[in-house]
Amino acid sequence: MELKVTVTIRKENNWFVVNCEEYKLSARNLTIEDALTDLQRKLHQYLEAEHLSVSTSIVFVVKMPMSI
């Protein structure tokens, strides 16, 4: 199963913050890649807690301001 989620990315000081609009989850890290990895981990934990398929492949649809 493939799950598409919309994420926004913004920079706050030295951190990249990613927010998942559909599940109201967020993560932050020093790089965009690490922040997205952290968010993906949180999404999998959420899906497990809701007893949804853990074999779900997560696809990010990214919205990113031009200023990053």
PDB file of N, CA and C in Angstrom:
ATOM      1  N   MET A   1       0.834  -1.178   0.000  1.00  0.00           N
ATOM      2  CA  MET A   1       0.000   0.000   0.000  1.00  0.00           C
ATOM      3  C   MET A   1       0.884   1.248   0.000  1.00  0.00           C
ATOM      4  N   GLU A   2       0.478   2.244  -0.755  1.00  0.00           N
ATOM      5  CA  GLU A   2       1.227   3.497  -0.823  1.00  0.00           C
ATOM      6  C   GLU A   2       0.384   4.609  -0.201  1.00  0.00           C
ATOM      7  N   LEU A   3       0.999   5.359   0.690  1.00  0.00           N
ATOM      8  CA  LEU A   3       0.320   6.456   1.369  1.00  0.00           C
ATOM      9  C   LEU A   3       1.005   7.758   0.986  1.00  0.00           C
ATOM     10  N   LYS A   4       0.266   8.653   0.324  1.00  0.00           N
ATOM     11  CA  LYS A   4       0.818   9.959  -0.041  1.00  0.00           C
ATOM     12  C   LYS A   4       0.407  10.964   1.021  1.00  0.00           C
ATOM     13  N   VAL A   5       1.393  11.672   1.560  1.00  0.00           N
ATOM     14  CA  VAL A   5       1.120  12.700   2.555  1.00  0.00           C
ATOM     15  C   VAL A   5       1.788  14.002   2.130  1.00  0.00           C
ATOM     16  N   THR A   6       1.142  15.098   2.451  1.00  0.00           N
ATOM     17  CA  THR A   6       1.673  16.416   2.116  1.00  0.00           C
ATOM     18  C   THR A   6       2.489  16.930   3.285  1.00  0.00           C
ATOM     19  N   VAL A   7       3.711  17.365   2.991  1.00  0.00           N
ATOM     20  CA  VAL A   7       4.561  17.930   4.038  1.00  0.00           C
ATOM     21  C   VAL A   7       5.028  19.320   3.621  1.00  0.00           C
ATOM     22  N   THR A   8       5.133  20.166   4.607  1.00  0.00           N
ATOM     23  CA  THR A   8       5.712  21.486   4.380  1.00  0.00           C
ATOM     24  C   THR A   8       7.054  21.522   5.091  1.00  0.00           C
ATOM     25  N   ILE A   9       7.978  22.216   4.491  1.00  0.00           N
ATOM     26  CA  ILE A   9       9.327  22.332   5.060  1.00  0.00           C
ATOM     27  C   ILE A   9       9.624  23.810   5.260  1.00  0.00           C
ATOM     28  N   ARG A  10      10.116  24.126   6.439  1.00  0.00           N
ATOM     29  CA  ARG A  10      10.542  25.501   6.694  1.00  0.00           C
ATOM     30  C   ARG A  10      11.804  25.461   7.554  1.00  0.00           C
ATOM     31  N   LYS A  11      12.499  26.553   7.557  1.00  0.00           N
ATOM     32  CA  LYS A  11      13.720  26.645   8.356  1.00  0.00           C
ATOM     33  C   LYS A  11      13.461  27.571   9.532  1.00  0.00           C
ATOM     34  N   GLU A  12      13.818  27.095  10.714  1.00  0.00           N
ATOM     35  CA  GLU A  12      13.736  27.888  11.937  1.00  0.00           C
ATOM     36  C   GLU A  12      15.125  27.890  12.568  1.00  0.00           C
ATOM     37  N   ASN A  13      15.761  29.036  12.513  1.00  0.00           N
ATOM     38  CA  ASN A  13      17.143  29.156  12.981  1.00  0.00           C
ATOM     39  C   ASN A  13      18.008  28.136  12.249  1.00  0.00           C
ATOM     40  N   ASN A  14      18.629  27.200  12.957  1.00  0.00           N
ATOM     41  CA  ASN A  14      19.491  26.197  12.312  1.00  0.00           C
ATOM     42  C   ASN A  14      18.761  24.890  12.023  1.00  0.00           C
ATOM     43  N   TRP A  15      17.466  24.836  12.268  1.00  0.00           N
ATOM     44  CA  TRP A  15      16.695  23.603  12.134  1.00  0.00           C
ATOM     45  C   TRP A  15      15.811  23.625  10.896  1.00  0.00           C
ATOM     46  N   PHE A  16      15.640  22.459  10.291  1.00  0.00           N
ATOM     47  CA  PHE A  16      14.628  22.270   9.263  1.00  0.00           C
ATOM     48  C   PHE A  16      13.440  21.591   9.942  1.00  0.00           C
ATOM     49  N   VAL A  17      12.272  22.174   9.781  1.00  0.00           N
ATOM     50  CA  VAL A  17      11.056  21.651  10.401  1.00  0.00           C
ATOM     51  C   VAL A  17      10.130  21.164   9.293  1.00  0.00           C
ATOM     52  N   VAL A  18       9.674  19.922   9.413  1.00  0.00           N
ATOM     53  CA  VAL A  18       8.744  19.358   8.446  1.00  0.00           C
ATOM     54  C   VAL A  18       7.437  19.048   9.162  1.00  0.00           C
ATOM     55  N   ASN A  19       6.327  19.409   8.517  1.00  0.00           N
ATOM     56  CA  ASN A  19       4.998  19.171   9.076  1.00  0.00           C
ATOM     57  C   ASN A  19       4.177  18.345   8.108  1.00  0.00           C
ATOM     58  N   CYS A  20       3.521  17.339   8.640  1.00  0.00           N
ATOM     59  CA  CYS A  20       2.601  16.518   7.860  1.00  0.00           C
ATOM     60  C   CYS A  20       1.194  17.050   8.096  1.00  0.00           C
ATOM     61  N   GLU A  21       0.586  17.568   7.038  1.00  0.00           N
ATOM     62  CA  GLU A  21      -0.725  18.195   7.153  1.00  0.00           C
ATOM     63  C   GLU A  21      -1.834  17.194   7.489  1.00  0.00           C
ATOM     64  N   GLU A  22      -1.817  16.029   6.872  1.00  0.00           N
ATOM     65  CA  GLU A  22      -2.897  15.066   7.062  1.00  0.00           C
ATOM     66  C   GLU A  22      -2.944  14.462   8.463  1.00  0.00           C
ATOM     67  N   TYR A  23      -1.783  14.229   9.061  1.00  0.00           N
ATOM     68  CA  TYR A  23      -1.742  13.540  10.356  1.00  0.00           C
ATOM     69  C   TYR A  23      -1.298  14.431  11.509  1.00  0.00           C
ATOM     70  N   LYS A  24      -1.102  15.705  11.230  1.00  0.00           N
ATOM     71  CA  LYS A  24      -0.720  16.679  12.274  1.00  0.00           C
ATOM     72  C   LYS A  24       0.518  16.219  13.055  1.00  0.00           C
ATOM     73  N   LEU A  25       1.510  15.742  12.305  1.00  0.00           N
ATOM     74  CA  LEU A  25       2.777  15.326  12.889  1.00  0.00           C
ATOM     75  C   LEU A  25       3.871  16.238  12.369  1.00  0.00           C
ATOM     76  N   SER A  26       4.931  16.390  13.168  1.00  0.00           N
ATOM     77  CA  SER A  26       6.064  17.192  12.717  1.00  0.00           C
ATOM     78  C   SER A  26       7.357  16.606  13.254  1.00  0.00           C
ATOM     79  N   ALA A  27       8.436  17.040  12.627  1.00  0.00           N
ATOM     80  CA  ALA A  27       9.772  16.629  13.051  1.00  0.00           C
ATOM     81  C   ALA A  27      10.735  17.747  12.691  1.00  0.00           C
ATOM     82  N   ARG A  28      11.862  17.767  13.374  1.00  0.00           N
ATOM     83  CA  ARG A  28      12.875  18.757  13.027  1.00  0.00           C
ATOM     84  C   ARG A  28      14.253  18.141  13.181  1.00  0.00           C
ATOM     85  N   ASN A  29      15.172  18.649  12.361  1.00  0.00           N
ATOM     86  CA  ASN A  29      16.542  18.169  12.404  1.00  0.00           C
ATOM     87  C   ASN A  29      17.423  19.189  11.694  1.00  0.00           C
ATOM     88  N   LEU A  30      18.724  18.938  11.703  1.00  0.00           N
ATOM     89  CA  LEU A  30      19.669  19.877  11.119  1.00  0.00           C
ATOM     90  C   LEU A  30      19.707  19.828   9.593  1.00  0.00           C
ATOM     91  N   THR A  31      19.238  18.718   9.008  1.00  0.00           N
ATOM     92  CA  THR A  31      19.164  18.623   7.546  1.00  0.00           C
ATOM     93  C   THR A  31      17.735  18.263   7.145  1.00  0.00           C
ATOM     94  N   ILE A  32      17.367  18.605   5.930  1.00  0.00           N
ATOM     95  CA  ILE A  32      16.035  18.260   5.428  1.00  0.00           C
ATOM     96  C   ILE A  32      15.877  16.742   5.385  1.00  0.00           C
ATOM     97  N   GLU A  33      16.899  16.048   4.929  1.00  0.00           N
ATOM     98  CA  GLU A  33      16.825  14.594   4.806  1.00  0.00           C
ATOM     99  C   GLU A  33      16.577  13.941   6.155  1.00  0.00           C
ATOM    100  N   ASP A  34      17.304  14.388   7.182  1.00  0.00           N
ATOM    101  CA  ASP A  34      17.132  13.803   8.509  1.00  0.00           C
ATOM    102  C   ASP A  34      15.762  14.144   9.097  1.00  0.00           C
ATOM    103  N   ALA A  35      15.276  15.342   8.843  1.00  0.00           N
ATOM    104  CA  ALA A  35      13.946  15.723   9.329  1.00  0.00           C
ATOM    105  C   ALA A  35      12.877  14.858   8.663  1.00  0.00           C
ATOM    106  N   LEU A  36      13.007  14.619   7.354  1.00  0.00           N
ATOM    107  CA  LEU A  36      12.053  13.764   6.651  1.00  0.00           C
ATOM    108  C   LEU A  36      12.126  12.315   7.139  1.00  0.00           C
ATOM    109  N   THR A  37      13.326  11.842   7.423  1.00  0.00           N
ATOM    110  CA  THR A  37      13.492  10.490   7.962  1.00  0.00           C
ATOM    111  C   THR A  37      12.808  10.380   9.324  1.00  0.00           C
ATOM    112  N   ASP A  38      12.981  11.393  10.164  1.00  0.00           N
ATOM    113  CA  ASP A  38      12.341  11.400  11.478  1.00  0.00           C
ATOM    114  C   ASP A  38      10.820  11.422  11.336  1.00  0.00           C
ATOM    115  N   LEU A  39      10.313  12.206  10.401  1.00  0.00           N
ATOM    116  CA  LEU A  39       8.874  12.267  10.172  1.00  0.00           C
ATOM    117  C   LEU A  39       8.349  10.926   9.659  1.00  0.00           C
ATOM    118  N   GLN A  40       9.084  10.304   8.774  1.00  0.00           N
ATOM    119  CA  GLN A  40       8.680   8.999   8.262  1.00  0.00           C
ATOM    120  C   GLN A  40       8.585   7.988   9.405  1.00  0.00           C
ATOM    121  N   ARG A  41       9.539   8.022  10.312  1.00  0.00           N
ATOM    122  CA  ARG A  41       9.528   7.130  11.477  1.00  0.00           C
ATOM    123  C   ARG A  41       8.282   7.394  12.333  1.00  0.00           C
ATOM    124  N   LYS A  42       7.964   8.669  12.555  1.00  0.00           N
ATOM    125  CA  LYS A  42       6.780   9.017  13.349  1.00  0.00           C
ATOM    126  C   LYS A  42       5.497   8.553  12.664  1.00  0.00           C
ATOM    127  N   LEU A  43       5.451   8.679  11.348  1.00  0.00           N
ATOM    128  CA  LEU A  43       4.274   8.220  10.612  1.00  0.00           C
ATOM    129  C   LEU A  43       4.092   6.710  10.726  1.00  0.00           C
ATOM    130  N   HIS A  44       5.181   5.955  10.619  1.00  0.00           N
ATOM    131  CA  HIS A  44       5.089   4.503  10.764  1.00  0.00           C
ATOM    132  C   HIS A  44       4.622   4.132  12.170  1.00  0.00           C
ATOM    133  N   GLN A  45       5.122   4.841  13.195  1.00  0.00           N
ATOM    134  CA  GLN A  45       4.685   4.578  14.566  1.00  0.00           C
ATOM    135  C   GLN A  45       3.195   4.883  14.730  1.00  0.00           C
ATOM    136  N   TYR A  46       2.748   5.969  14.119  1.00  0.00           N
ATOM    137  CA  TYR A  46       1.336   6.328  14.170  1.00  0.00           C
ATOM    138  C   TYR A  46       0.482   5.249  13.509  1.00  0.00           C
ATOM    139  N   LEU A  47       0.905   4.807  12.330  1.00  0.00           N
ATOM    140  CA  LEU A  47       0.153   3.778  11.617  1.00  0.00           C
ATOM    141  C   LEU A  47       0.088   2.478  12.406  1.00  0.00           C
ATOM    142  N   GLU A  48       1.190   2.112  13.053  1.00  0.00           N
ATOM    143  CA  GLU A  48       1.204   0.918  13.899  1.00  0.00           C
ATOM    144  C   GLU A  48       0.224   1.073  15.049  1.00  0.00           C
ATOM    145  N   ALA A  49       0.231   2.227  15.697  1.00  0.00           N
ATOM    146  CA  ALA A  49      -0.649   2.479  16.842  1.00  0.00           C
ATOM    147  C   ALA A  49      -2.121   2.427  16.427  1.00  0.00           C
ATOM    148  N   GLU A  50      -2.402   2.816  15.189  1.00  0.00           N
ATOM    149  CA  GLU A  50      -3.777   2.796  14.681  1.00  0.00           C
ATOM    150  C   GLU A  50      -4.113   1.446  14.037  1.00  0.00           C
ATOM    151  N   HIS A  51      -3.188   0.486  14.130  1.00  0.00           N
ATOM    152  CA  HIS A  51      -3.362  -0.865  13.602  1.00  0.00           C
ATOM    153  C   HIS A  51      -3.581  -0.874  12.086  1.00  0.00           C
ATOM    154  N   LEU A  52      -2.921   0.050  11.417  1.00  0.00           N
ATOM    155  CA  LEU A  52      -2.962   0.067   9.961  1.00  0.00           C
ATOM    156  C   LEU A  52      -1.761  -0.702   9.436  1.00  0.00           C
ATOM    157  N   SER A  53      -1.719  -0.923   8.178  1.00  0.00           N
ATOM    158  CA  SER A  53      -0.658  -1.722   7.572  1.00  0.00           C
ATOM    159  C   SER A  53       0.716  -1.110   7.815  1.00  0.00           C
ATOM    160  N   VAL A  54       1.611  -1.884   8.426  1.00  0.00           N
ATOM    161  CA  VAL A  54       2.965  -1.402   8.662  1.00  0.00           C
ATOM    162  C   VAL A  54       3.840  -1.546   7.422  1.00  0.00           C
ATOM    163  N   SER A  55       3.326  -2.246   6.415  1.00  0.00           N
ATOM    164  CA  SER A  55       4.090  -2.376   5.169  1.00  0.00           C
ATOM    165  C   SER A  55       3.772  -1.238   4.212  1.00  0.00           C
ATOM    166  N   THR A  56       3.181  -0.190   4.738  1.00  0.00           N
ATOM    167  CA  THR A  56       2.818   0.958   3.921  1.00  0.00           C
ATOM    168  C   THR A  56       4.060   1.712   3.482  1.00  0.00           C
ATOM    169  N   SER A  57       4.097   2.033   2.208  1.00  0.00           N
ATOM    170  CA  SER A  57       5.172   2.863   1.672  1.00  0.00           C
ATOM    171  C   SER A  57       4.696   4.317   1.713  1.00  0.00           C
ATOM    172  N   ILE A  58       5.472   5.165   2.348  1.00  0.00           N
ATOM    173  CA  ILE A  58       5.090   6.560   2.499  1.00  0.00           C
ATOM    174  C   ILE A  58       5.756   7.396   1.410  1.00  0.00           C
ATOM    175  N   VAL A  59       4.946   8.172   0.702  1.00  0.00           N
ATOM    176  CA  VAL A  59       5.435   9.067  -0.339  1.00  0.00           C
ATOM    177  C   VAL A  59       5.130  10.485   0.113  1.00  0.00           C
ATOM    178  N   PHE A  60       6.164  11.321   0.177  1.00  0.00           N
ATOM    179  CA  PHE A  60       5.987  12.702   0.580  1.00  0.00           C
ATOM    180  C   PHE A  60       5.720  13.584  -0.638  1.00  0.00           C
ATOM    181  N   VAL A  61       4.678  14.394  -0.547  1.00  0.00           N
ATOM    182  CA  VAL A  61       4.423  15.454  -1.509  1.00  0.00           C
ATOM    183  C   VAL A  61       4.869  16.724  -0.796  1.00  0.00           C
ATOM    184  N   VAL A  62       5.961  17.307  -1.258  1.00  0.00           N
ATOM    185  CA  VAL A  62       6.625  18.376  -0.508  1.00  0.00           C
ATOM    186  C   VAL A  62       6.207  19.748  -1.000  1.00  0.00           C
ATOM    187  N   LYS A  63       5.856  20.591  -0.028  1.00  0.00           N
ATOM    188  CA  LYS A  63       5.635  22.021  -0.279  1.00  0.00           C
ATOM    189  C   LYS A  63       6.761  22.748   0.432  1.00  0.00           C
ATOM    190  N   MET A  64       7.541  23.503  -0.327  1.00  0.00           N
ATOM    191  CA  MET A  64       8.697  24.160   0.272  1.00  0.00           C
ATOM    192  C   MET A  64       8.784  25.596  -0.215  1.00  0.00           C
ATOM    193  N   PRO A  65       8.900  26.533   0.724  1.00  0.00           N
ATOM    194  CA  PRO A  65       9.051  27.937   0.306  1.00  0.00           C
ATOM    195  C   PRO A  65      10.325  28.133  -0.507  1.00  0.00           C
ATOM    196  N   MET A  66      10.310  29.105  -1.379  1.00  0.00           N
ATOM    197  CA  MET A  66      11.473  29.382  -2.225  1.00  0.00           C
ATOM    198  C   MET A  66      12.674  29.872  -1.424  1.00  0.00           C
ATOM    199  N   SER A  67      12.487  30.359  -0.223  1.00  0.00           N
ATOM    200  CA  SER A  67      13.565  30.979   0.536  1.00  0.00           C
ATOM    201  C   SER A  67      14.468  30.002   1.262  1.00  0.00           C
ATOM    202  N   ILE A  68      14.193  28.714   1.209  1.00  0.00           N
ATOM    203  CA  ILE A  68      15.045  27.739   1.931  1.00  0.00           C
ATOM    204  C   ILE A  68      16.300  27.489   1.141  1.00  0.00           C
TER     205      ILE A  68
END
